[in-house]
Protein backbone atom coordinates (compact mmCIF):
# COMPACT_ATOMS: atom_id res chain seq x y z
CA MET A 1 89.40 63.72 92.37
CA SER A 2 92.40 66.07 92.09
CA ARG A 3 93.45 68.46 94.91
CA ASP A 4 93.13 71.53 92.68
CA ALA A 5 89.57 70.59 91.88
CA GLY A 6 88.81 70.16 95.60
CA LYS A 7 90.12 73.66 96.45
CA ALA A 8 88.05 75.19 93.69
CA GLY A 9 84.93 74.52 95.69
CA ALA A 10 81.64 72.95 94.78
CA SER A 11 80.84 75.63 92.21
CA GLY A 12 84.02 75.18 90.19
CA PRO A 13 84.77 72.62 87.52
CA VAL A 14 85.42 69.11 88.75
CA MET A 15 87.65 66.58 87.04
CA ILE A 16 86.85 62.96 87.73
CA GLU A 17 89.45 60.28 87.10
CA LEU A 18 87.96 56.93 86.10
CA ASP A 19 89.70 53.80 87.25
CA GLU A 20 88.07 51.65 84.47
CA PRO A 21 88.57 52.31 80.75
CA ALA A 22 85.67 53.68 78.71
CA PRO A 23 83.55 51.04 76.97
CA ASP A 24 84.35 50.28 73.35
CA ILE A 25 81.37 51.35 71.20
CA ALA A 26 82.54 49.21 68.31
CA ALA A 27 82.24 46.11 70.52
CA ALA A 28 78.54 46.77 71.23
CA PRO A 29 76.16 44.17 69.72
CA GLU A 30 74.65 45.16 66.39
CA ILE A 31 70.92 45.52 65.89
CA PRO A 32 69.79 42.61 63.69
CA ASP A 33 68.76 43.46 60.16
CA PRO A 34 64.99 43.85 59.73
CA GLU A 35 63.33 41.15 57.68
CA GLY A 36 59.75 42.37 57.24
CA ALA A 37 58.39 39.45 59.25
CA ALA A 38 54.81 40.77 59.37
CA MET A 39 54.42 41.09 55.60
CA GLN A 40 56.22 37.82 54.88
CA ALA A 41 53.94 36.01 57.34
CA ALA A 42 50.82 37.61 55.84
CA MET A 43 51.77 36.72 52.25
CA THR A 44 52.83 33.19 53.22
CA TYR A 45 49.47 32.71 54.93
CA MET A 46 47.55 33.89 51.87
CA ALA A 47 49.65 31.80 49.46
CA ARG A 48 49.19 28.55 51.40
CA PRO A 49 47.84 25.68 49.27
CA ALA A 50 44.07 25.57 49.07
CA GLY A 51 42.15 22.39 49.72
CA GLY A 52 41.96 19.89 46.89
CA GLY A 53 38.86 18.56 45.20
CA VAL A 54 37.92 16.32 48.14
CA GLY A 55 38.34 19.19 50.58
CA ARG A 56 36.09 21.43 48.52
CA TRP A 57 33.42 18.73 48.42
CA ILE A 58 33.64 18.32 52.19
CA TRP A 59 33.39 22.03 52.91
CA GLY A 60 30.59 22.44 50.33
CA ALA A 61 28.61 19.57 51.84
CA ALA A 62 29.16 20.94 55.36
CA ALA A 63 28.00 24.42 54.34
CA SER A 64 24.93 23.02 52.57
CA LEU A 65 24.03 20.88 55.58
CA LEU A 66 24.45 23.82 57.95
CA THR A 67 22.25 26.00 55.73
CA LEU A 68 19.57 23.30 55.64
CA VAL A 69 19.64 22.84 59.42
CA LEU A 70 19.41 26.57 60.08
CA GLY A 71 16.60 26.96 57.53
CA VAL A 72 14.54 24.14 59.06
CA ALA A 73 15.17 25.45 62.56
CA ALA A 74 14.06 28.95 61.55
CA TYR A 75 10.93 27.57 59.87
CA ASP A 76 10.00 25.44 62.90
CA PHE A 77 10.62 28.38 65.22
CA ALA A 78 8.45 30.73 63.16
CA ALA A 79 5.65 28.14 62.71
CA ASP A 80 5.57 27.33 66.42
CA LEU A 81 5.60 31.02 67.33
CA ILE A 82 2.74 31.73 64.88
CA ALA A 83 0.66 29.02 66.56
CA ARG A 84 1.25 30.44 70.03
CA MET A 85 1.69 34.19 69.38
CA PRO A 86 0.64 35.08 65.81
CA VAL A 87 1.96 38.65 65.81
CA LEU A 88 5.47 37.70 66.97
CA GLY A 89 5.43 34.63 64.75
CA TRP A 90 4.69 36.58 61.58
CA LEU A 91 7.30 39.16 62.63
CA ALA A 92 9.89 36.39 62.96
CA ALA A 93 8.86 35.02 59.55
CA ALA A 94 9.23 38.47 57.98
CA MET A 95 12.69 38.95 59.56
CA SER A 96 13.74 35.52 58.27
CA LEU A 97 12.59 36.49 54.78
CA VAL A 98 14.52 39.77 54.95
CA LEU A 99 17.65 37.87 56.04
CA ALA A 100 17.27 35.40 53.17
CA LEU A 101 16.89 38.26 50.66
CA ALA A 102 19.94 40.02 52.10
CA LEU A 103 22.02 36.85 51.75
CA LEU A 104 20.80 36.48 48.17
CA VAL A 105 21.78 40.06 47.33
CA PHE A 106 25.19 39.46 48.95
CA ALA A 107 25.70 36.33 46.83
CA LEU A 108 24.69 38.18 43.64
CA ARG A 109 27.12 41.01 44.43
CA GLU A 110 29.92 38.49 44.92
CA VAL A 111 29.14 36.83 41.60
CA ILE A 112 29.04 40.20 39.82
CA GLY A 113 32.34 41.19 41.44
CA LEU A 114 34.02 38.00 40.25
CA ARG A 115 32.69 38.56 36.72
CA ARG A 116 34.13 42.10 36.71
CA LEU A 117 37.54 40.78 37.71
CA ARG A 118 37.37 38.16 34.96
CA ARG A 119 36.45 40.91 32.50
CA LEU A 120 39.69 42.73 33.34
CA ASP A 121 41.62 39.48 32.85
CA ARG A 122 39.99 38.90 29.47
CA LEU A 123 40.68 42.45 28.29
CA ARG A 124 44.35 42.18 29.25
CA ALA A 125 44.66 38.78 27.53
CA ARG A 126 43.00 40.12 24.37
CA ALA A 127 45.25 43.19 24.37
CA GLU A 128 48.40 41.08 24.77
CA ALA A 129 47.28 38.77 21.95
CA ALA A 130 46.47 41.73 19.70
CA LEU A 131 49.90 43.26 20.32
CA ALA A 132 51.67 39.95 19.76
CA GLU A 133 49.85 39.25 16.50
CA GLY A 134 49.54 42.86 15.31
CA ASP A 135 45.76 42.45 14.99
CA LEU A 136 44.45 45.96 14.38
CA GLY A 137 40.78 44.93 14.44
CA GLU A 138 41.10 43.23 17.81
CA ALA A 139 43.08 46.17 19.21
CA ARG A 140 40.31 48.54 18.12
CA ALA A 141 37.72 46.28 19.77
CA VAL A 142 39.70 46.25 23.05
CA ALA A 143 40.03 50.04 22.92
CA GLY A 144 36.27 50.38 22.49
CA ALA A 145 35.62 47.96 25.35
CA LEU A 146 37.91 49.99 27.63
CA ALA A 147 36.12 53.22 26.73
CA ALA A 148 32.80 51.55 27.60
CA LEU A 149 34.25 50.15 30.85
CA TYR A 150 35.38 53.57 32.10
CA GLY A 151 32.48 55.49 30.61
CA ALA A 152 34.88 57.95 29.01
CA GLN A 153 35.63 58.96 25.46
CA GLY A 154 39.13 58.08 24.42
CA PRO A 155 40.83 58.67 21.09
CA ASP A 156 39.06 57.26 18.06
CA PRO A 157 40.58 53.77 17.55
CA ASP A 158 39.47 53.78 13.91
CA GLU A 159 42.08 56.44 13.20
CA ALA A 160 44.93 54.22 14.46
CA LEU A 161 47.07 52.64 11.77
CA ASP A 162 48.33 49.68 13.81
CA ALA A 163 47.50 47.72 16.95
CA GLU A 164 50.14 49.44 19.08
CA ALA A 165 48.84 52.92 18.24
CA ALA A 166 45.24 51.91 19.00
CA LEU A 167 46.07 50.51 22.44
CA GLU A 168 48.68 53.11 23.38
CA GLY A 169 46.24 55.90 22.60
CA VAL A 170 43.52 54.56 24.88
CA GLU A 171 46.12 53.76 27.54
CA ALA A 172 47.42 57.31 27.57
CA ALA A 173 43.92 58.80 27.68
CA LEU A 174 42.21 56.46 30.16
CA LEU A 175 44.70 54.41 32.15
CA ILE A 176 47.62 56.70 32.95
CA PRO A 177 45.40 59.03 35.08
CA VAL A 178 44.11 55.94 36.91
CA ASP A 179 47.70 54.75 37.42
CA ALA A 180 48.47 57.94 39.34
CA ARG A 181 45.53 57.33 41.70
CA VAL A 182 46.58 53.72 42.16
CA GLU A 183 50.11 54.78 43.08
CA ALA A 184 48.68 57.14 45.69
CA GLU A 185 46.73 54.22 47.20
CA ILE A 186 49.89 52.10 47.33
CA GLU A 187 51.82 54.87 49.05
CA ALA A 188 49.07 55.33 51.65
CA ALA A 189 48.97 51.59 52.40
CA ALA A 190 52.77 51.37 52.67
CA ARG A 191 52.79 54.30 55.10
CA GLN A 192 50.03 52.74 57.19
CA VAL A 193 51.76 49.35 57.40
CA ALA A 194 55.07 50.97 58.31
CA LEU A 195 53.49 52.96 61.13
CA ALA A 196 51.53 49.95 62.40
CA THR A 197 54.66 47.81 62.51
CA ALA A 198 56.69 50.49 64.26
CA LEU A 199 54.05 51.32 66.88
CA ILE A 200 52.42 47.93 67.60
CA PRO A 201 54.69 45.79 69.78
CA LEU A 202 52.59 42.61 69.51
CA ALA A 203 53.83 40.08 66.96
CA PHE A 204 50.50 38.82 65.64
CA ALA A 205 48.84 42.24 65.83
CA ASP A 206 51.19 43.75 63.27
CA VAL A 207 50.57 40.78 60.95
CA ALA A 208 46.81 41.35 61.22
CA ALA A 209 47.26 45.08 60.63
CA ALA A 210 49.42 44.45 57.57
CA LEU A 211 46.93 41.92 56.17
CA ALA A 212 43.99 44.28 56.67
CA ALA A 213 45.83 47.20 55.07
CA ASN A 214 46.81 45.08 52.06
CA LEU A 215 43.23 43.84 51.64
CA ARG A 216 41.94 47.41 51.57
CA MET A 217 44.68 48.47 49.17
CA ILE A 218 44.01 45.63 46.72
CA ARG A 219 40.26 46.29 46.83
CA ARG A 220 40.86 49.96 46.04
CA ILE A 221 43.25 49.11 43.19
CA ALA A 222 40.77 46.68 41.63
CA THR A 223 37.95 49.20 42.05
CA LEU A 224 39.92 52.00 40.40
CA TYR A 225 40.62 49.78 37.40
CA GLY A 226 36.95 48.83 37.13
CA GLY A 227 36.92 45.49 38.97
CA ARG A 228 34.98 46.36 42.15
CA PRO A 229 35.39 42.93 43.80
CA GLY A 230 33.22 41.68 46.64
CA SER A 231 34.51 40.24 49.90
CA PHE A 232 35.32 36.78 48.54
CA GLY A 233 36.61 38.26 45.31
CA ASN A 234 38.96 40.49 47.27
CA TRP A 235 40.35 37.54 49.23
CA ARG A 236 40.77 35.60 46.00
CA LEU A 237 42.58 38.53 44.41
CA LEU A 238 44.90 38.84 47.42
CA ARG A 239 45.69 35.14 47.18
CA THR A 240 46.47 35.55 43.47
CA VAL A 241 48.85 38.41 44.28
CA ALA A 242 50.48 36.39 47.08
CA LEU A 243 50.98 33.39 44.78
CA HIS A 244 52.52 35.70 42.17
CA LEU A 245 54.94 37.15 44.71
CA MET A 246 55.85 33.74 46.12
CA ALA A 247 56.42 32.30 42.64
CA THR A 248 58.69 35.18 41.62
CA GLY A 249 60.52 35.31 44.96
CA LEU A 250 59.51 38.92 45.62
CA VAL A 251 58.38 38.31 49.20
CA ALA A 252 61.97 38.14 50.43
CA VAL A 253 63.92 41.30 51.25
CA GLY A 254 65.78 42.45 48.14
CA ASP A 255 67.87 45.34 46.88
CA ASP A 256 64.89 47.66 46.44
CA VAL A 257 63.81 47.07 50.05
CA ILE A 258 67.37 47.59 51.30
CA GLY A 259 67.44 50.88 49.39
CA SER A 260 64.18 51.87 51.06
CA LEU A 261 65.67 51.01 54.45
CA ALA A 262 68.67 53.17 53.74
CA GLY A 263 66.35 56.08 52.96
CA GLY A 264 64.22 55.59 56.06
CA GLY A 265 66.18 57.96 58.26
CA VAL A 266 68.35 57.43 61.31
CA MET A 267 65.55 55.76 63.29
CA SER A 268 65.36 52.85 60.84
CA LYS A 269 69.06 52.16 61.45
CA ILE A 270 69.08 52.31 65.24
CA SER A 271 65.66 50.83 66.04
CA ARG A 272 64.57 47.31 65.20
CA ARG A 273 60.86 48.22 65.15
CA PHE A 274 61.32 51.26 62.91
CA GLY A 275 63.51 49.21 60.58
CA GLU A 276 60.85 46.52 60.40
CA GLY A 277 58.31 49.25 59.62
CA VAL A 278 60.31 50.50 56.66
CA VAL A 279 60.80 46.96 55.29
CA ASN A 280 57.12 46.04 55.74
CA GLY A 281 56.16 49.28 54.01
CA ALA A 282 58.42 48.43 51.08
CA LEU A 283 56.98 44.90 50.88
CA THR A 284 53.48 46.40 50.89
CA ALA A 285 54.53 48.54 47.94
CA ARG A 286 55.61 45.33 46.20
CA VAL A 287 52.18 43.83 46.82
CA GLY A 288 50.57 46.97 45.42
CA VAL A 289 52.65 46.90 42.25
CA ALA A 290 51.83 43.20 41.76
CA ALA A 291 48.11 43.93 42.24
CA MET A 292 48.45 46.80 39.78
CA GLU A 293 49.88 44.45 37.14
CA ILE A 294 47.14 41.87 37.76
CA CYS A 295 44.19 44.30 37.78
CA ARG A 296 45.35 46.67 35.01
CA PRO A 297 43.37 45.82 31.85
CA LEU A 298 46.29 46.72 29.57
CA PRO A 299 50.00 45.90 29.78
CA PHE A 300 52.35 48.81 30.41
CA ARG A 301 53.18 50.53 27.13
CA MET A 302 52.86 54.32 27.34
CA GLY A 303 52.71 54.15 31.11
CA ARG A 304 55.61 52.82 33.14
CA ARG A 305 55.54 50.18 35.82
CA PRO A 306 56.19 52.08 39.06
CA SER A 307 59.35 51.42 41.02
CA VAL A 308 58.96 49.91 44.48
CA SER A 309 61.82 52.03 45.79
CA ALA A 310 60.28 55.23 44.46
CA LEU A 311 56.85 54.40 45.89
CA THR A 312 58.33 53.55 49.30
CA ALA A 313 60.49 56.66 49.33
CA ARG A 314 57.49 58.89 48.62
CA ALA A 315 55.35 57.05 51.17
CA LEU A 316 57.89 57.26 53.98
CA ARG A 317 59.47 60.59 53.07
CA GLY A 318 60.17 62.43 56.29
CA LEU A 319 58.12 59.98 58.36
CA PHE A 320 60.91 58.27 60.29
CA SER A 321 63.35 61.17 60.08
CA ARG A 322 60.80 63.33 61.95
CA ALA A 323 60.32 60.50 64.44
């Protein structure tokens, strides 16, 4: 401390002389680049190879045996209870019957959901074939099937002069409004995954949160396009999307994700968790776009395939900058 500063008293300005030099900020360790570990782990888990033919036979036999054992046990329990206490026994039998009917309804809903997803696949395949071959009759048939699927009246396909005009007309009238709703669902899921990653410090918890959010998003996308999958159908659809992303290499962090990270605000650059949130949100947008391509009953013609960067930017706009 200088003498002049000491005479100035406690209320005056004080100059402190440091014996050690100030630390060099440039020498501080850098925060590692975010990798989107939660989304990569979730997609890798869903894209893992399924069991082969022998494995399916084993699991099918085990499930059948378990069902038989539980059915016999329930029957013996109800029969024994009827012999000892008739009222409770018949009540148990009635509850068992209700459970069996509920399981049957659940199975029927799953089968119907899978058939709806296959119907979307068939419509898209027919539309692509009609466009490739220039088949006007088939294009008109696909346009009519889409109008029946959505329960809406599109343009009259009989007035179209070629296959492209027939399909582009029904796409503009029926699918482009649905595309806007699908993009809103993708943005909401990307925002939710980004927040979950940034706020949940547990490694496996953010993976579970990302997987759950992506399942809900894919179910909503399929439902908006007319698929309405059941529980097993939704898992199967997620696995199809994950296999598509793994095959095309879109699970890794790319230029579009880096651009999203750059637009995520200052917090994404100085905080590892917030950076991971932005990257996981961008990868969720990738999953949504892939699900959109798989579930959409027509290829993109009049409508445009949404950009992952644009979806992520809209989803995270102001989110991390306010944080």
